[in-house]
C-alpha cells in the first residue's frame, strides 16, 4: 500500500494501481480528510456539512462494506497471482 500511495503522489497512477488497487481511493480519502479539517477552521459555516459527511463515513454499514471490499480484493489478487496474469506487482 505504501508503494501505491507514493506512486499516486508522484502521479504514476497505473503503477499505483498495479501495486494496490485501493491506493488511489485511499489517497483521495486522505486528501478529503485534510480538506475537511482545514475547511472547519477557515470556513466555519461548512462545519455542519463536514460533520454530516464524517458521520456518514463512520456508520457501521460503511465501515463494514469497506472491510468486505478489502478482503474480497485481497482474495482476487491472491487468485490472480496463483493463476498466472502478472498485472499486479507484489
N, C-alpha and C. Protein backbone atom coordinates (compact mmCIF):
# COMPACT_ATOMS: atom_id res chain seq x y z
N UNK A 1 0.83 -1.18 0.00
CA UNK A 1 0.00 0.00 0.00
C UNK A 1 0.88 1.25 0.00
N UNK A 2 1.99 1.20 0.72
CA UNK A 2 2.85 2.38 0.79
C UNK A 2 3.42 2.73 -0.58
N UNK A 3 3.85 1.71 -1.32
CA UNK A 3 4.38 1.98 -2.66
C UNK A 3 3.30 2.52 -3.58
N UNK A 4 2.07 2.03 -3.41
CA UNK A 4 0.95 2.52 -4.20
C UNK A 4 0.69 4.00 -3.92
N UNK A 5 0.66 4.36 -2.64
CA UNK A 5 0.42 5.76 -2.28
C UNK A 5 1.56 6.67 -2.73
N UNK A 6 2.79 6.20 -2.64
CA UNK A 6 3.90 7.05 -3.09
C UNK A 6 3.87 7.25 -4.59
N UNK A 7 3.40 6.27 -5.34
CA UNK A 7 3.27 6.44 -6.79
C UNK A 7 2.12 7.36 -7.15
N UNK A 8 1.04 7.35 -6.37
CA UNK A 8 -0.04 8.32 -6.61
C UNK A 8 0.49 9.72 -6.39
N UNK A 9 1.28 9.89 -5.33
CA UNK A 9 1.84 11.20 -5.00
C UNK A 9 2.70 11.72 -6.15
N UNK A 10 3.41 10.83 -6.83
CA UNK A 10 4.26 11.23 -7.96
C UNK A 10 3.49 11.31 -9.28
N UNK A 11 2.22 10.89 -9.27
CA UNK A 11 1.40 10.98 -10.48
C UNK A 11 1.48 9.75 -11.37
N UNK A 12 2.05 8.67 -10.89
CA UNK A 12 2.15 7.43 -11.66
C UNK A 12 0.98 6.53 -11.28
N UNK A 13 -0.18 6.80 -11.87
CA UNK A 13 -1.41 6.15 -11.45
C UNK A 13 -1.49 4.68 -11.85
N UNK A 14 -0.98 4.31 -13.03
CA UNK A 14 -1.02 2.91 -13.44
C UNK A 14 -0.11 2.06 -12.57
N UNK A 15 1.06 2.57 -12.26
CA UNK A 15 1.97 1.83 -11.37
C UNK A 15 1.34 1.70 -9.99
N UNK A 16 0.68 2.75 -9.53
CA UNK A 16 -0.02 2.70 -8.25
C UNK A 16 -1.10 1.64 -8.27
N UNK A 17 -1.85 1.56 -9.34
CA UNK A 17 -2.90 0.55 -9.48
C UNK A 17 -2.30 -0.85 -9.48
N UNK A 18 -1.14 -1.00 -10.09
CA UNK A 18 -0.50 -2.31 -10.12
C UNK A 18 0.00 -2.73 -8.74
N UNK A 19 0.43 -1.78 -7.93
CA UNK A 19 0.87 -2.13 -6.58
C UNK A 19 -0.31 -2.48 -5.69
N UNK A 20 -1.34 -1.66 -5.72
CA UNK A 20 -2.54 -1.96 -4.93
C UNK A 20 -3.71 -1.15 -5.48
N UNK A 21 -4.81 -1.81 -5.87
CA UNK A 21 -5.95 -1.10 -6.46
C UNK A 21 -6.64 -0.11 -5.53
N UNK A 22 -6.48 -0.25 -4.23
CA UNK A 22 -7.12 0.67 -3.30
C UNK A 22 -6.23 1.85 -2.92
N UNK A 23 -5.07 1.96 -3.53
CA UNK A 23 -4.17 3.07 -3.22
C UNK A 23 -4.74 4.42 -3.64
N UNK A 24 -5.30 4.49 -4.82
CA UNK A 24 -5.86 5.75 -5.33
C UNK A 24 -7.08 6.18 -4.50
N UNK A 25 -8.05 5.28 -4.22
CA UNK A 25 -9.17 5.71 -3.37
C UNK A 25 -8.73 6.12 -1.96
N UNK A 26 -7.75 5.42 -1.39
CA UNK A 26 -7.26 5.79 -0.07
C UNK A 26 -6.60 7.16 -0.09
N UNK A 27 -5.88 7.45 -1.15
CA UNK A 27 -5.25 8.77 -1.30
C UNK A 27 -6.32 9.87 -1.36
N UNK A 28 -7.39 9.61 -2.10
CA UNK A 28 -8.48 10.58 -2.21
C UNK A 28 -9.15 10.79 -0.86
N UNK A 29 -9.35 9.72 -0.10
CA UNK A 29 -9.95 9.84 1.23
C UNK A 29 -9.06 10.66 2.15
N UNK A 30 -7.75 10.42 2.09
CA UNK A 30 -6.82 11.19 2.93
C UNK A 30 -6.84 12.68 2.57
N UNK A 31 -6.86 12.98 1.29
CA UNK A 31 -6.92 14.38 0.87
C UNK A 31 -8.22 15.03 1.32
N UNK A 32 -9.33 14.30 1.21
CA UNK A 32 -10.62 14.83 1.66
C UNK A 32 -10.62 15.09 3.17
N UNK A 33 -10.03 14.19 3.94
CA UNK A 33 -9.95 14.41 5.40
C UNK A 33 -9.16 15.66 5.73
N UNK A 34 -8.06 15.86 5.04
CA UNK A 34 -7.25 17.06 5.26
C UNK A 34 -8.05 18.31 4.89
N UNK A 35 -8.74 18.25 3.76
CA UNK A 35 -9.53 19.41 3.33
C UNK A 35 -10.68 19.70 4.30
N UNK A 36 -11.31 18.65 4.85
CA UNK A 36 -12.38 18.86 5.82
C UNK A 36 -11.84 19.55 7.07
N UNK A 37 -10.69 19.11 7.55
CA UNK A 37 -10.11 19.73 8.76
C UNK A 37 -9.74 21.18 8.50
N UNK A 38 -9.19 21.46 7.35
CA UNK A 38 -8.83 22.83 7.01
C UNK A 38 -10.08 23.69 6.85
N UNK A 39 -11.09 23.15 6.19
CA UNK A 39 -12.30 23.94 5.95
C UNK A 39 -13.05 24.24 7.25
N UNK A 40 -12.95 23.35 8.24
CA UNK A 40 -13.59 23.63 9.53
C UNK A 40 -13.01 24.88 10.19
N UNK A 41 -11.72 25.09 10.00
CA UNK A 41 -11.07 26.24 10.62
C UNK A 41 -11.21 27.52 9.77
N UNK A 42 -11.17 27.37 8.47
CA UNK A 42 -11.21 28.53 7.59
C UNK A 42 -12.65 28.98 7.32
N UNK A 43 -13.54 28.01 7.08
CA UNK A 43 -14.94 28.30 6.77
C UNK A 43 -15.84 27.65 7.82
N UNK A 44 -16.11 28.32 8.93
CA UNK A 44 -16.92 27.72 10.00
C UNK A 44 -18.34 27.37 9.57
N UNK A 45 -18.86 28.01 8.55
CA UNK A 45 -20.22 27.70 8.09
C UNK A 45 -20.33 26.31 7.49
N UNK A 46 -19.22 25.77 7.00
CA UNK A 46 -19.24 24.44 6.41
C UNK A 46 -19.14 23.33 7.46
N UNK A 47 -19.04 23.70 8.72
CA UNK A 47 -18.85 22.73 9.78
C UNK A 47 -20.00 21.72 9.85
N UNK A 48 -21.25 22.18 9.66
CA UNK A 48 -22.38 21.24 9.69
C UNK A 48 -22.29 20.23 8.56
N UNK A 49 -21.92 20.68 7.37
CA UNK A 49 -21.81 19.77 6.23
C UNK A 49 -20.71 18.74 6.45
N UNK A 50 -19.55 19.19 6.87
CA UNK A 50 -18.45 18.24 7.09
C UNK A 50 -18.74 17.28 8.23
N UNK A 51 -19.48 17.73 9.23
CA UNK A 51 -19.85 16.84 10.33
C UNK A 51 -20.79 15.75 9.84
N UNK A 52 -21.73 16.10 8.97
CA UNK A 52 -22.63 15.09 8.41
C UNK A 52 -21.89 14.09 7.54
N UNK A 53 -20.93 14.57 6.75
CA UNK A 53 -20.16 13.66 5.90
C UNK A 53 -19.33 12.71 6.76
N UNK A 54 -18.71 13.23 7.81
CA UNK A 54 -17.93 12.37 8.71
C UNK A 54 -18.83 11.32 9.38
N UNK A 55 -20.02 11.74 9.80
CA UNK A 55 -20.95 10.80 10.45
C UNK A 55 -21.39 9.71 9.47
N UNK A 56 -21.61 10.07 8.21
CA UNK A 56 -21.98 9.09 7.20
C UNK A 56 -20.86 8.09 6.98
N UNK A 57 -19.63 8.56 6.98
CA UNK A 57 -18.49 7.68 6.75
C UNK A 57 -18.28 6.73 7.92
N UNK A 58 -18.57 7.16 9.14
CA UNK A 58 -18.30 6.34 10.31
C UNK A 58 -19.45 5.41 10.71
N UNK A 59 -20.46 5.29 9.87
CA UNK A 59 -21.54 4.34 10.14
C UNK A 59 -21.01 2.92 10.02
N UNK A 60 -21.62 2.00 10.75
CA UNK A 60 -21.19 0.61 10.72
C UNK A 60 -21.32 0.00 9.33
N UNK A 61 -22.38 0.34 8.62
CA UNK A 61 -22.58 -0.22 7.28
C UNK A 61 -21.46 0.22 6.33
N UNK A 62 -21.06 1.47 6.43
CA UNK A 62 -19.99 1.97 5.56
C UNK A 62 -18.67 1.29 5.88
N UNK A 63 -18.35 1.22 7.16
CA UNK A 63 -17.09 0.60 7.56
C UNK A 63 -17.08 -0.89 7.25
N UNK A 64 -18.21 -1.57 7.42
CA UNK A 64 -18.30 -2.99 7.08
C UNK A 64 -18.11 -3.23 5.60
N UNK A 65 -18.72 -2.39 4.78
CA UNK A 65 -18.57 -2.57 3.33
C UNK A 65 -17.13 -2.31 2.89
N UNK A 66 -16.44 -1.39 3.54
CA UNK A 66 -15.04 -1.15 3.23
C UNK A 66 -14.20 -2.38 3.59
N UNK A 67 -14.47 -2.96 4.75
CA UNK A 67 -13.75 -4.15 5.18
C UNK A 67 -13.98 -5.33 4.25
N UNK A 68 -15.23 -5.55 3.86
CA UNK A 68 -15.55 -6.65 2.94
C UNK A 68 -14.88 -6.42 1.59
N UNK A 69 -14.88 -5.19 1.11
CA UNK A 69 -14.22 -4.87 -0.16
C UNK A 69 -12.73 -5.17 -0.10
N UNK A 70 -12.10 -4.82 1.00
CA UNK A 70 -10.66 -5.07 1.13
C UNK A 70 -10.35 -6.56 1.15
N UNK A 71 -11.15 -7.35 1.86
CA UNK A 71 -10.92 -8.80 1.91
C UNK A 71 -11.17 -9.43 0.54
N UNK A 72 -12.25 -9.03 -0.13
CA UNK A 72 -12.53 -9.57 -1.47
C UNK A 72 -11.43 -9.22 -2.45
N UNK A 73 -10.95 -8.00 -2.39
CA UNK A 73 -9.86 -7.60 -3.28
C UNK A 73 -8.60 -8.40 -3.00
N UNK A 74 -8.33 -8.68 -1.74
CA UNK A 74 -7.17 -9.49 -1.39
C UNK A 74 -7.29 -10.89 -1.97
N UNK A 75 -8.50 -11.48 -1.88
CA UNK A 75 -8.72 -12.82 -2.42
C UNK A 75 -8.55 -12.81 -3.94
N UNK A 76 -9.10 -11.81 -4.61
CA UNK A 76 -8.97 -11.72 -6.07
C UNK A 76 -7.50 -11.59 -6.48
N UNK A 77 -6.76 -10.75 -5.78
CA UNK A 77 -5.35 -10.59 -6.10
C UNK A 77 -4.58 -11.88 -5.86
N UNK A 78 -4.91 -12.62 -4.80
CA UNK A 78 -4.25 -13.87 -4.49
C UNK A 78 -4.53 -14.91 -5.57
N UNK A 79 -5.78 -14.99 -6.02
CA UNK A 79 -6.14 -15.92 -7.09
C UNK A 79 -5.43 -15.55 -8.38
N UNK A 80 -5.41 -14.27 -8.71
CA UNK A 80 -4.72 -13.85 -9.94
C UNK A 80 -3.22 -14.13 -9.85
N UNK A 81 -2.65 -14.00 -8.69
CA UNK A 81 -1.22 -14.26 -8.52
C UNK A 81 -0.93 -15.74 -8.74
N UNK A 82 -1.82 -16.62 -8.27
CA UNK A 82 -1.62 -18.06 -8.41
C UNK A 82 -1.91 -18.56 -9.83
N UNK A 83 -2.83 -17.90 -10.54
CA UNK A 83 -3.25 -18.41 -11.84
C UNK A 83 -2.40 -17.93 -13.00
N UNK A 84 -1.66 -16.85 -12.84
CA UNK A 84 -0.79 -16.51 -13.93
C UNK A 84 -0.72 -15.09 -14.39
N UNK A 85 -1.83 -14.37 -14.62
CA UNK A 85 -1.67 -13.00 -15.10
C UNK A 85 -0.90 -12.16 -14.09
N UNK A 86 0.16 -11.55 -14.53
CA UNK A 86 1.03 -10.82 -13.61
C UNK A 86 0.88 -9.32 -13.77
N UNK A 87 -0.35 -8.84 -13.69
CA UNK A 87 -0.59 -7.40 -13.77
C UNK A 87 -0.19 -6.72 -12.47
N UNK A 88 -0.55 -7.35 -11.35
CA UNK A 88 -0.25 -6.75 -10.06
C UNK A 88 1.18 -7.04 -9.65
N UNK A 89 1.82 -6.04 -9.07
CA UNK A 89 3.18 -6.20 -8.55
C UNK A 89 3.08 -6.45 -7.05
N UNK A 90 3.93 -7.32 -6.54
CA UNK A 90 3.87 -7.66 -5.12
C UNK A 90 5.06 -7.14 -4.39
